[in-house]
Amino acid sequence: QVQLVESGGGSVQAGDSLRLSCAASGRTFSIYTLGWFRQAPGKEREFVAGINWSGRGTYYADSVKGRFTISRDDSKNTGSLQMNSLKPEDTAVYYCALPKSPFMDSKFASDFSSWGQGTQVTVSS
């Protein structure tokens, strides 16, 4: 059973930056795509960014492209989401997740079976 723990959330002003981290244990992290999702109050969970198992493929939601950067360090079983130029609409609980199967790329929450507890990001104007 894999465990994922996010950290790094907080309350910031619009235009500020935050770096979220995801620590994984209990599964061979390096063979899984890492995904970041977010959920704002009253909204469905949405895809934010993903990095494939090789680390050479990254993909982003249009709303964060150019502002957010996803990365991973398989030697430490960790992943990160660098968030720059934050906007109030980025306010949400952010989750890291691993998909059901190794080597699987996806942007759909239903394809991910392991989730962290989430970390709150609040951006004020």
Protein backbone atom coordinates (compact mmCIF):
# COMPACT_ATOMS: atom_id res chain seq x y z
CA GLN A 1 0.00 0.00 0.00
CA VAL A 2 1.45 3.35 -1.01
CA GLN A 3 1.35 6.40 1.18
CA LEU A 4 1.53 9.92 -0.17
CA VAL A 5 2.05 12.99 1.98
CA GLU A 6 1.81 16.53 0.62
CA SER A 7 3.35 19.59 2.20
CA GLY A 8 4.09 23.20 1.38
CA GLY A 9 0.64 24.73 1.16
CA GLY A 10 -0.22 28.05 2.72
CA SER A 11 -1.82 31.46 2.36
CA VAL A 12 -0.21 33.91 -0.05
CA GLN A 13 -0.96 37.04 -2.05
CA ALA A 14 -1.69 37.07 -5.74
CA GLY A 15 1.57 36.99 -7.69
CA ASP A 16 3.44 35.06 -5.01
CA SER A 17 4.95 31.59 -5.32
CA LEU A 18 4.61 28.34 -3.44
CA ARG A 19 6.33 24.98 -3.78
CA LEU A 20 4.35 21.86 -2.94
CA SER A 21 6.07 18.59 -2.15
CA CYS A 22 4.84 15.03 -2.25
CA ALA A 23 6.61 12.24 -0.37
CA ALA A 24 5.84 8.65 -1.38
CA SER A 25 6.45 5.40 0.41
CA GLY A 26 5.41 1.79 0.09
CA ARG A 27 5.55 1.40 -3.70
CA THR A 28 8.18 1.58 -6.41
CA PHE A 29 7.70 5.28 -7.04
CA SER A 30 9.93 5.49 -10.09
CA ILE A 31 7.67 3.40 -12.34
CA TYR A 32 4.57 5.51 -11.77
CA THR A 33 3.40 8.74 -13.31
CA LEU A 34 2.95 11.42 -10.66
CA GLY A 35 -0.11 13.61 -10.88
CA TRP A 36 -1.19 16.77 -9.09
CA PHE A 37 -4.88 17.60 -8.79
CA ARG A 38 -6.81 20.30 -6.98
CA GLN A 39 -10.29 20.76 -5.65
CA ALA A 40 -11.91 24.08 -4.82
CA PRO A 41 -15.01 24.31 -2.63
CA GLY A 42 -18.11 23.28 -4.52
CA LYS A 43 -16.12 22.13 -7.55
CA GLU A 44 -14.97 18.81 -8.89
CA ARG A 45 -11.41 17.65 -8.49
CA GLU A 46 -9.40 18.76 -11.52
CA PHE A 47 -6.11 17.82 -13.06
CA VAL A 48 -3.28 20.30 -12.62
CA ALA A 49 -0.05 18.67 -13.78
CA GLY A 50 1.57 15.32 -14.45
CA ILE A 51 5.05 13.94 -14.96
CA ASN A 52 5.51 10.51 -16.42
CA TRP A 53 7.52 7.69 -14.91
CA SER A 54 10.63 8.52 -16.93
CA GLY A 55 10.56 12.15 -15.86
CA ARG A 56 10.93 13.24 -19.47
CA GLY A 57 7.28 13.89 -20.14
CA THR A 58 5.32 16.62 -18.39
CA TYR A 59 1.83 17.93 -19.07
CA TYR A 60 -0.28 20.68 -17.59
CA ALA A 61 -3.79 22.03 -17.44
CA ASP A 62 -4.15 25.06 -19.67
CA SER A 63 -5.01 27.19 -16.64
CA VAL A 64 -1.55 26.66 -15.08
CA LYS A 65 0.67 26.24 -18.14
CA GLY A 66 3.61 28.60 -18.00
CA ARG A 67 3.13 29.27 -14.28
CA PHE A 68 3.47 25.84 -12.67
CA THR A 69 6.31 23.35 -13.02
CA ILE A 70 6.17 19.72 -11.97
CA SER A 71 9.26 17.70 -11.15
CA ARG A 72 10.30 14.48 -9.43
CA ASP A 73 13.32 13.05 -7.65
CA ASP A 74 13.11 9.28 -7.76
CA SER A 75 16.21 8.91 -5.59
CA LYS A 76 14.20 10.48 -2.76
CA ASN A 77 10.74 9.20 -3.75
CA THR A 78 9.49 12.77 -3.92
CA GLY A 79 7.71 15.03 -6.34
CA SER A 80 7.22 18.78 -6.42
CA LEU A 81 4.93 21.37 -7.90
CA GLN A 82 6.44 24.83 -8.20
CA MET A 83 3.66 27.38 -8.47
CA ASN A 84 4.52 30.90 -9.61
CA SER A 85 2.37 33.94 -10.34
CA LEU A 86 -0.41 32.55 -8.21
CA LYS A 87 -3.94 33.80 -8.77
CA PRO A 88 -7.00 33.79 -6.50
CA GLU A 89 -8.55 31.15 -8.76
CA ASP A 90 -5.70 28.79 -7.83
CA THR A 91 -7.17 28.57 -4.34
CA ALA A 92 -7.93 24.91 -3.62
CA VAL A 93 -6.83 21.81 -1.79
CA TYR A 94 -3.99 20.26 -3.77
CA TYR A 95 -3.43 16.51 -3.95
CA CYS A 96 -0.66 14.37 -5.34
CA ALA A 97 -1.63 10.99 -6.72
CA LEU A 98 -0.34 7.83 -8.38
CA PRO A 99 -2.28 5.92 -11.03
CA LYS A 100 -3.65 2.40 -10.76
CA SER A 101 -0.97 0.91 -12.97
CA PRO A 102 2.73 1.55 -13.54
CA PHE A 103 3.82 3.32 -16.72
CA MET A 104 0.31 4.74 -17.09
CA ASP A 105 -0.16 8.37 -18.18
CA SER A 106 -3.48 10.01 -17.49
CA LYS A 107 -5.15 13.30 -16.65
CA PHE A 108 -8.27 11.66 -15.26
CA ALA A 109 -8.77 11.40 -11.51
CA SER A 110 -10.59 8.09 -11.98
CA ASP A 111 -7.34 6.54 -13.24
CA PHE A 112 -5.53 7.39 -10.01
CA SER A 113 -5.90 5.08 -7.04
CA SER A 114 -3.49 6.47 -4.44
CA TRP A 115 -3.99 9.94 -3.02
CA GLY A 116 -2.43 12.08 -0.37
CA GLN A 117 -4.43 13.88 2.28
CA GLY A 118 -4.16 17.20 0.47
CA THR A 119 -2.64 20.55 1.31
CA GLN A 120 -4.53 23.86 1.28
CA VAL A 121 -3.43 26.69 -0.97
CA THR A 122 -5.16 30.03 -0.49
CA VAL A 123 -4.39 32.99 -2.74
CA SER A 124 -5.82 36.35 -1.86
CA SER A 125 -6.09 39.34 -4.16
